[in-house]
C-alpha atoms as a PDB file:
ATOM      1  CA  MET A   1     195.685 122.514 112.150  1.00  0.00           C
ATOM      2  CA  THR A   2     197.119 125.358 112.788  1.00  0.00           C
ATOM      3  CA  ALA A   3     195.388 127.243 110.052  1.00  0.00           C
ATOM      4  CA  LEU A   4     192.267 125.943 111.355  1.00  0.00           C
ATOM      5  CA  LEU A   5     193.016 127.390 114.431  1.00  0.00           C
ATOM      6  CA  LEU A   6     194.170 131.193 112.894  1.00  0.00           C
ATOM      7  CA  ALA A   7     190.829 130.161 111.655  1.00  0.00           C
ATOM      8  CA  ALA A   8     188.750 129.981 114.487  1.00  0.00           C
ATOM      9  CA  VAL A   9     190.927 133.111 115.891  1.00  0.00           C
ATOM     10  CA  THR A  10     189.069 134.789 112.233  1.00  0.00           C
ATOM     11  CA  PHE A  11     185.778 133.490 113.974  1.00  0.00           C
ATOM     12  CA  VAL A  12     186.071 135.422 117.230  1.00  0.00           C
ATOM     13  CA  SER A  13     187.476 138.783 115.484  1.00  0.00           C
ATOM     14  CA  THR A  14     184.004 138.550 113.306  1.00  0.00           C
ATOM     15  CA  ALA A  15     181.317 138.150 115.859  1.00  0.00           C
ATOM     16  CA  LEU A  16     183.614 140.433 118.328  1.00  0.00           C
ATOM     17  CA  GLY A  17     183.247 143.440 115.391  1.00  0.00           C
ATOM     18  CA  GLY A  18     179.672 142.414 113.960  1.00  0.00           C
ATOM     19  CA  LEU A  19     178.139 142.265 117.956  1.00  0.00           C
ATOM     20  CA  PHE A  20     180.074 146.124 118.587  1.00  0.00           C
ATOM     21  CA  ALA A  21     177.725 146.964 115.919  1.00  0.00           C
ATOM     22  CA  VAL A  22     174.393 145.247 117.286  1.00  0.00           C
ATOM     23  CA  HIS A  23     175.985 147.294 120.321  1.00  0.00           C
ATOM     24  CA  ARG A  24     175.672 150.840 118.627  1.00  0.00           C
ATOM     25  CA  ARG A  25     172.636 150.192 116.815  1.00  0.00           C
ATOM     26  CA  ARG A  26     171.237 153.121 118.591  1.00  0.00           C
ATOM     27  CA  HIS A  27     173.652 155.284 116.361  1.00  0.00           C
ATOM     28  CA  LEU A  28     172.990 153.253 113.391  1.00  0.00           C
ATOM     29  CA  TYR A  29     174.382 156.378 110.897  1.00  0.00           C
ATOM     30  CA  LEU A  30     177.404 156.317 112.977  1.00  0.00           C
ATOM     31  CA  VAL A  31     177.742 152.069 112.109  1.00  0.00           C
ATOM     32  CA  MET A  32     176.999 153.100 109.018  1.00  0.00           C
ATOM     33  CA  GLY A  33     179.697 156.067 108.255  1.00  0.00           C
ATOM     34  CA  LEU A  34     182.221 152.796 109.926  1.00  0.00           C
ATOM     35  CA  ALA A  35     181.103 150.643 108.030  1.00  0.00           C
ATOM     36  CA  ALA A  36     181.616 152.477 104.697  1.00  0.00           C
ATOM     37  CA  GLY A  37     184.900 153.659 105.400  1.00  0.00           C
ATOM     38  CA  LEU A  38     186.332 150.190 106.413  1.00  0.00           C
ATOM     39  CA  LEU A  39     184.699 148.840 102.997  1.00  0.00           C
ATOM     40  CA  VAL A  40     186.040 151.677 100.893  1.00  0.00           C
ATOM     41  CA  GLY A  41     189.860 151.348 102.949  1.00  0.00           C
ATOM     42  CA  SER A  42     189.885 147.236 102.242  1.00  0.00           C
ATOM     43  CA  ALA A  43     189.263 147.893  98.639  1.00  0.00           C
ATOM     44  CA  LEU A  44     191.104 150.570  97.765  1.00  0.00           C
ATOM     45  CA  LEU A  45     194.239 149.423 100.214  1.00  0.00           C
ATOM     46  CA  ASP A  46     194.209 146.459 101.275  1.00  0.00           C
ATOM     47  CA  LEU A  47     192.395 144.033  98.242  1.00  0.00           C
ATOM     48  CA  LEU A  48     193.368 146.434  95.516  1.00  0.00           C
ATOM     49  CA  PRO A  49     197.669 146.213  96.697  1.00  0.00           C
ATOM     50  CA  ASP A  50     197.411 142.511  97.031  1.00  0.00           C
ATOM     51  CA  ALA A  51     195.823 141.916  93.627  1.00  0.00           C
ATOM     52  CA  LEU A  52     198.055 144.021  91.674  1.00  0.00           C
ATOM     53  CA  GLY A  53     200.694 142.336  93.814  1.00  0.00           C
ATOM     54  CA  LEU A  54     199.564 138.809  92.006  1.00  0.00           C
ATOM     55  CA  VAL A  55     199.551 140.095  88.878  1.00  0.00           C
ATOM     56  CA  ALA A  56     203.643 141.842  89.182  1.00  0.00           C
ATOM     57  CA  ASP A  57     205.082 139.778  87.114  1.00  0.00           C
ATOM     58  CA  GLN A  58     202.689 140.616  83.819  1.00  0.00           C
ATOM     59  CA  GLY A  59     203.133 143.737  83.561  1.00  0.00           C
ATOM     60  CA  ARG A  60     200.369 146.218  82.208  1.00  0.00           C
ATOM     61  CA  ARG A  61     198.346 143.479  80.962  1.00  0.00           C
ATOM     62  CA  GLY A  62     198.139 142.134  84.331  1.00  0.00           C
ATOM     63  CA  VAL A  63     197.512 145.441  86.219  1.00  0.00           C
ATOM     64  CA  MET A  64     194.540 146.378  83.181  1.00  0.00           C
ATOM     65  CA  LYS A  65     192.796 142.594  84.535  1.00  0.00           C
ATOM     66  CA  VAL A  66     192.411 143.777  87.783  1.00  0.00           C
ATOM     67  CA  VAL A  67     191.670 147.094  87.039  1.00  0.00           C
ATOM     68  CA  LEU A  68     188.670 145.781  84.456  1.00  0.00           C
ATOM     69  CA  SER A  69     187.710 143.418  87.388  1.00  0.00           C
ATOM     70  CA  MET A  70     187.038 145.939  89.796  1.00  0.00           C
ATOM     71  CA  VAL A  71     185.267 148.202  87.836  1.00  0.00           C
ATOM     72  CA  ALA A  72     183.116 144.691  86.631  1.00  0.00           C
ATOM     73  CA  GLY A  73     182.774 144.191  90.593  1.00  0.00           C
ATOM     74  CA  PHE A  74     181.272 147.747  90.321  1.00  0.00           C
ATOM     75  CA  LEU A  75     179.007 147.607  88.071  1.00  0.00           C
ATOM     76  CA  ALA A  76     177.808 144.427  89.035  1.00  0.00           C
ATOM     77  CA  PHE A  77     176.203 145.792  92.174  1.00  0.00           C
ATOM     78  CA  TYR A  78     174.871 149.086  90.683  1.00  0.00           C
ATOM     79  CA  ALA A  79     173.176 146.984  88.036  1.00  0.00           C
ATOM     80  CA  VAL A  80     171.642 144.429  91.319  1.00  0.00           C
ATOM     81  CA  ASP A  81     170.965 147.409  93.082  1.00  0.00           C
ATOM     82  CA  HIS A  82     168.951 148.793  90.260  1.00  0.00           C
ATOM     83  CA  ALA A  83     167.447 145.810  89.435  1.00  0.00           C
ATOM     84  CA  VAL A  84     166.097 144.538  93.261  1.00  0.00           C
ATOM     85  CA  HIS A  85     164.997 148.511  93.685  1.00  0.00           C
ATOM     86  CA  TYR A  86     163.126 148.477  90.139  1.00  0.00           C
ATOM     87  CA  ALA A  87     161.652 145.008  90.686  1.00  0.00           C
ATOM     88  CA  ALA A  88     160.324 146.080  94.251  1.00  0.00           C
ATOM     89  CA  ALA A  89     158.954 149.024  92.786  1.00  0.00           C
ATOM     90  CA  GLY A  90     156.035 150.044  95.102  1.00  0.00           C
ATOM     91  CA  HIS A  91     157.917 147.633  98.400  1.00  0.00           C
ATOM     92  CA  GLN A  92     161.338 149.628  98.316  1.00  0.00           C
ATOM     93  CA  GLU A  93     162.272 148.497 102.022  1.00  0.00           C
ATOM     94  CA  LYS A  94     161.859 145.282 100.478  1.00  0.00           C
ATOM     95  CA  GLY A  95     164.355 145.785  97.531  1.00  0.00           C
ATOM     96  CA  VAL A  96     166.414 147.954 100.084  1.00  0.00           C
ATOM     97  CA  ARG A  97     166.807 144.923 102.219  1.00  0.00           C
ATOM     98  CA  ALA A  98     167.330 142.219  99.461  1.00  0.00           C
ATOM     99  CA  PHE A  99     170.289 144.910  98.817  1.00  0.00           C
ATOM    100  CA  GLY A 100     171.620 144.531 102.015  1.00  0.00           C
ATOM    101  CA  ALA A 101     171.432 140.569 102.062  1.00  0.00           C
ATOM    102  CA  LEU A 102     173.208 140.289  99.086  1.00  0.00           C
ATOM    103  CA  ALA A 103     176.116 142.768 100.007  1.00  0.00           C
ATOM    104  CA  ALA A 104     176.639 140.613 103.132  1.00  0.00           C
ATOM    105  CA  LEU A 105     176.848 137.680 100.527  1.00  0.00           C
ATOM    106  CA  GLY A 106     179.906 139.522  99.305  1.00  0.00           C
ATOM    107  CA  LEU A 107     181.350 139.737 102.686  1.00  0.00           C
ATOM    108  CA  THR A 108     181.192 136.224 103.436  1.00  0.00           C
ATOM    109  CA  LEU A 109     181.960 135.149 100.067  1.00  0.00           C
ATOM    110  CA  HIS A 110     185.556 137.525 100.334  1.00  0.00           C
ATOM    111  CA  SER A 111     185.943 136.410 104.028  1.00  0.00           C
ATOM    112  CA  PHE A 112     186.050 132.832 102.578  1.00  0.00           C
ATOM    113  CA  LEU A 113     188.521 133.638 100.374  1.00  0.00           C
ATOM    114  CA  ASP A 114     190.611 134.905 103.013  1.00  0.00           C
ATOM    115  CA  GLY A 115     190.594 131.304 104.940  1.00  0.00           C
ATOM    116  CA  MET A 116     191.353 130.090 101.528  1.00  0.00           C
ATOM    117  CA  ALA A 117     194.293 132.574 101.440  1.00  0.00           C
ATOM    118  CA  ILE A 118     195.651 131.437 104.704  1.00  0.00           C
ATOM    119  CA  GLY A 119     195.639 127.710 104.225  1.00  0.00           C
ATOM    120  CA  ALA A 120     197.403 127.951 100.566  1.00  0.00           C
ATOM    121  CA  ALA A 121     199.991 130.029 102.032  1.00  0.00           C
ATOM    122  CA  PHE A 122     200.333 127.333 104.942  1.00  0.00           C
ATOM    123  CA  GLN A 123     200.908 125.280 102.210  1.00  0.00           C
ATOM    124  CA  GLN A 124     203.830 127.159 101.095  1.00  0.00           C
ATOM    125  CA  SER A 125     205.351 127.471 104.662  1.00  0.00           C
ATOM    126  CA  ALA A 126     204.451 128.184 108.317  1.00  0.00           C
ATOM    127  CA  THR A 127     205.749 131.115 108.393  1.00  0.00           C
ATOM    128  CA  LEU A 128     203.632 132.806 105.673  1.00  0.00           C
ATOM    129  CA  GLY A 129     200.418 130.992 107.096  1.00  0.00           C
ATOM    130  CA  ALA A 130     200.564 132.474 110.645  1.00  0.00           C
ATOM    131  CA  LEU A 131     201.873 136.141 108.553  1.00  0.00           C
ATOM    132  CA  ILE A 132     198.751 135.822 106.652  1.00  0.00           C
ATOM    133  CA  GLY A 133     196.435 134.830 109.271  1.00  0.00           C
ATOM    134  CA  VAL A 134     197.239 137.025 111.588  1.00  0.00           C
ATOM    135  CA  ALA A 135     196.849 140.236 108.595  1.00  0.00           C
ATOM    136  CA  VAL A 136     192.699 138.563 108.589  1.00  0.00           C
ATOM    137  CA  ILE A 137     192.620 138.269 111.910  1.00  0.00           C
ATOM    138  CA  ALA A 138     193.141 142.139 112.275  1.00  0.00           C
ATOM    139  CA  HIS A 139     190.939 143.153 109.308  1.00  0.00           C
ATOM    140  CA  ASP A 140     188.549 140.318 109.955  1.00  0.00           C
ATOM    141  CA  PHE A 141     186.665 142.822 113.600  1.00  0.00           C
ATOM    142  CA  GLY A 142     186.010 145.230 110.602  1.00  0.00           C
ATOM    143  CA  ASP A 143     184.161 142.842 108.430  1.00  0.00           C
ATOM    144  CA  GLY A 144     181.912 142.149 111.343  1.00  0.00           C
ATOM    145  CA  VAL A 145     181.126 145.821 111.403  1.00  0.00           C
ATOM    146  CA  SER A 146     180.548 146.120 108.025  1.00  0.00           C
ATOM    147  CA  THR A 147     178.393 143.004 107.816  1.00  0.00           C
ATOM    148  CA  VAL A 148     176.480 144.181 110.233  1.00  0.00           C
ATOM    149  CA  GLY A 149     176.625 147.891 108.936  1.00  0.00           C
ATOM    150  CA  VAL A 150     175.321 146.491 105.647  1.00  0.00           C
ATOM    151  CA  VAL A 151     172.605 144.671 107.023  1.00  0.00           C
ATOM    152  CA  LEU A 152     170.958 147.134 109.874  1.00  0.00           C
ATOM    153  CA  GLY A 153     172.235 149.784 106.730  1.00  0.00           C
ATOM    154  CA  SER A 154     169.563 148.495 104.734  1.00  0.00           C
ATOM    155  CA  ARG A 155     166.308 147.996 106.726  1.00  0.00           C
ATOM    156  CA  GLY A 156     167.554 144.584 107.800  1.00  0.00           C
ATOM    157  CA  ALA A 157     166.263 143.197 111.393  1.00  0.00           C
ATOM    158  CA  VAL A 158     169.013 142.189 113.888  1.00  0.00           C
ATOM    159  CA  ARG A 159     168.408 138.449 113.707  1.00  0.00           C
ATOM    160  CA  ALA A 160     168.845 138.827 109.986  1.00  0.00           C
ATOM    161  CA  SER A 161     172.028 140.922 110.352  1.00  0.00           C
ATOM    162  CA  LEU A 162     172.727 138.376 113.686  1.00  0.00           C
ATOM    163  CA  ALA A 163     172.469 135.301 110.805  1.00  0.00           C
ATOM    164  CA  TRP A 164     175.095 136.870 108.622  1.00  0.00           C
ATOM    165  CA  LEU A 165     177.494 138.038 110.898  1.00  0.00           C
ATOM    166  CA  LEU A 166     177.159 133.689 111.735  1.00  0.00           C
ATOM    167  CA  ALA A 167     177.777 133.256 108.458  1.00  0.00           C
ATOM    168  CA  ASP A 168     180.720 135.808 107.776  1.00  0.00           C
ATOM    169  CA  ALA A 169     182.323 134.413 110.758  1.00  0.00           C
ATOM    170  CA  VAL A 170     182.331 130.651 110.137  1.00  0.00           C
ATOM    171  CA  ALA A 171     183.477 131.523 106.243  1.00  0.00           C
ATOM    172  CA  PRO A 172     187.048 131.638 107.254  1.00  0.00           C
ATOM    173  CA  VAL A 173     187.043 127.737 108.321  1.00  0.00           C
ATOM    174  CA  GLY A 174     185.492 126.684 105.551  1.00  0.00           C
ATOM    175  CA  GLY A 175     187.960 128.570 103.337  1.00  0.00           C
ATOM    176  CA  VAL A 176     190.754 127.101 105.044  1.00  0.00           C
ATOM    177  CA  LEU A 177     189.632 123.538 104.798  1.00  0.00           C
ATOM    178  CA  ALA A 178     188.566 124.592 100.951  1.00  0.00           C
ATOM    179  CA  ALA A 179     192.161 125.531 100.212  1.00  0.00           C
ATOM    180  CA  SER A 180     192.989 121.632 100.628  1.00  0.00           C
ATOM    181  CA  ALA A 181     191.312 120.562  97.719  1.00  0.00           C
ATOM    182  CA  LEU A 182     191.271 123.578  95.673  1.00  0.00           C
ATOM    183  CA  HIS A 183     194.256 125.601  93.552  1.00  0.00           C
ATOM    184  CA  LEU A 184     193.560 129.124  92.369  1.00  0.00           C
ATOM    185  CA  PRO A 185     195.844 130.207  90.025  1.00  0.00           C
ATOM    186  CA  GLN A 186     197.597 133.538  90.823  1.00  0.00           C
ATOM    187  CA  HIS A 187     195.718 135.933  88.183  1.00  0.00           C
ATOM    188  CA  VAL A 188     192.148 134.191  89.465  1.00  0.00           C
ATOM    189  CA  LEU A 189     192.996 135.360  92.459  1.00  0.00           C
ATOM    190  CA  ALA A 190     194.282 138.472  91.310  1.00  0.00           C
ATOM    191  CA  GLU A 191     191.247 138.970  89.457  1.00  0.00           C
ATOM    192  CA  LEU A 192     188.885 137.754  92.368  1.00  0.00           C
ATOM    193  CA  LEU A 193     190.030 140.074  94.794  1.00  0.00           C
ATOM    194  CA  GLY A 194     189.850 143.280  92.294  1.00  0.00           C
ATOM    195  CA  PHE A 195     186.194 141.722  92.069  1.00  0.00           C
ATOM    196  CA  PHE A 196     185.364 142.456  95.250  1.00  0.00           C
ATOM    197  CA  ALA A 197     187.566 145.573  95.760  1.00  0.00           C
ATOM    198  CA  GLY A 198     184.621 147.058  93.259  1.00  0.00           C
ATOM    199  CA  THR A 199     181.771 145.919  94.988  1.00  0.00           C
ATOM    200  CA  PHE A 200     183.196 146.936  97.973  1.00  0.00           C
ATOM    201  CA  LEU A 201     183.368 150.508  97.066  1.00  0.00           C
ATOM    202  CA  PHE A 202     180.318 150.338  95.743  1.00  0.00           C
ATOM    203  CA  VAL A 203     178.165 149.367  98.752  1.00  0.00           C
ATOM    204  CA  GLY A 204     180.387 151.558 101.022  1.00  0.00           C
ATOM    205  CA  ALA A 205     180.552 154.628  98.588  1.00  0.00           C
ATOM    206  CA  ALA A 206     177.055 154.577  96.728  1.00  0.00           C
ATOM    207  CA  HIS A 207     175.113 152.283  99.178  1.00  0.00           C
ATOM    208  CA  LEU A 208     176.026 153.337 102.763  1.00  0.00           C
ATOM    209  CA  LEU A 209     177.400 156.187 102.592  1.00  0.00           C
ATOM    210  CA  PRO A 210     174.392 158.748 101.488  1.00  0.00           C
ATOM    211  CA  GLU A 211     171.654 156.379 103.322  1.00  0.00           C
ATOM    212  CA  ALA A 212     174.219 157.254 106.977  1.00  0.00           C
ATOM    213  CA  ALA A 213     173.643 160.867 105.266  1.00  0.00           C
ATOM    214  CA  GLN A 214     169.946 161.099 105.044  1.00  0.00           C
ATOM    215  CA  GLU A 215     170.684 159.510 108.856  1.00  0.00           C
ATOM    216  CA  GLY A 216     172.635 161.754 111.176  1.00  0.00           C
ATOM    217  CA  ARG A 217     174.908 164.767 111.315  1.00  0.00           C
ATOM    218  CA  ARG A 218     177.812 165.102 108.902  1.00  0.00           C
ATOM    219  CA  GLY A 219     180.409 166.243 111.106  1.00  0.00           C
ATOM    220  CA  PRO A 220     180.505 162.728 113.233  1.00  0.00           C
ATOM    221  CA  LEU A 221     179.692 160.380 110.287  1.00  0.00           C
ATOM    222  CA  ALA A 222     182.541 162.177 108.626  1.00  0.00           C
ATOM    223  CA  ALA A 223     184.527 160.964 111.680  1.00  0.00           C
ATOM    224  CA  ALA A 224     183.076 157.694 111.765  1.00  0.00           C
ATOM    225  CA  VAL A 225     184.027 157.356 107.496  1.00  0.00           C
ATOM    226  CA  VAL A 226     187.757 157.992 108.277  1.00  0.00           C
ATOM    227  CA  THR A 227     187.878 156.121 111.279  1.00  0.00           C
ATOM    228  CA  GLY A 228     187.513 153.200 108.994  1.00  0.00           C
ATOM    229  CA  ILE A 229     189.950 154.252 106.868  1.00  0.00           C
ATOM    230  CA  ALA A 230     191.936 155.254 109.396  1.00  0.00           C
ATOM    231  CA  PHE A 231     191.911 151.974 110.874  1.00  0.00           C
ATOM    232  CA  ILE A 232     192.620 149.810 107.671  1.00  0.00           C
ATOM    233  CA  GLY A 233     195.229 151.973 106.533  1.00  0.00           C
ATOM    234  CA  VAL A 234     197.289 150.948 110.521  1.00  0.00           C
ATOM    235  CA  ALA A 235     196.343 147.537 110.277  1.00  0.00           C
ATOM    236  CA  THR A 236     197.683 147.272 106.303  1.00  0.00           C
ATOM    237  CA  TRP A 237     200.944 149.390 107.134  1.00  0.00           C
ATOM    238  CA  VAL A 238     201.525 147.377 110.557  1.00  0.00           C
ATOM    239  CA  LEU A 239     201.719 143.975 109.387  1.00  0.00           C
ATOM    240  CA  GLU A 240     203.191 144.673 106.212  1.00  0.00           C
ATOM    241  CA  ARG A 241     206.179 146.487 107.203  1.00  0.00           C
END
């Protein structure tokens, strides 16, 4: 019950982040820059360290598996980005929107895994579950911003961004429920986290940032990116002390 309650709070946190991004959509390039910073920060300061921590007992072999998973995630989204643009040749806007939807799906799946992490942690102890839950809540505001930023930054409609925001907000609740029925081995979870780190790096650095740079001024954009990375860095540092 406590795990579900925390998952419900993550719903609120994600929704608030997404609604903030929708409210600021008139300054879309700044929303995209903030989302890019949040995604890159999450990949390098949150997902990757967590994945490496799960395989610490496996030495270099475990580290290489996580790194290769991250590379696979980056290349997979690079291939998808190329494919949707090629398939929509002559209809470039359609291809960009398709990639945005896929990126939002990736964020939603990541949120589902966050919920599974909360549920699995509560199976170990209430204290660990509470710590993981608070960490997810702190990051989910950024997830909401990122989801809306990816969809709007890929020329999607506001309605589509809100639909994906709802899916992303609900996903942790589904993850908590799934955790009671599924048990992922640590090495599998580590590789999944590495894969998502790679996808986040591609979406943030190779997709959102170039799009945002065409939309607005470099100075405010750089500030938005740094703010996103700093938010993840500070949240991670505070929660792990």
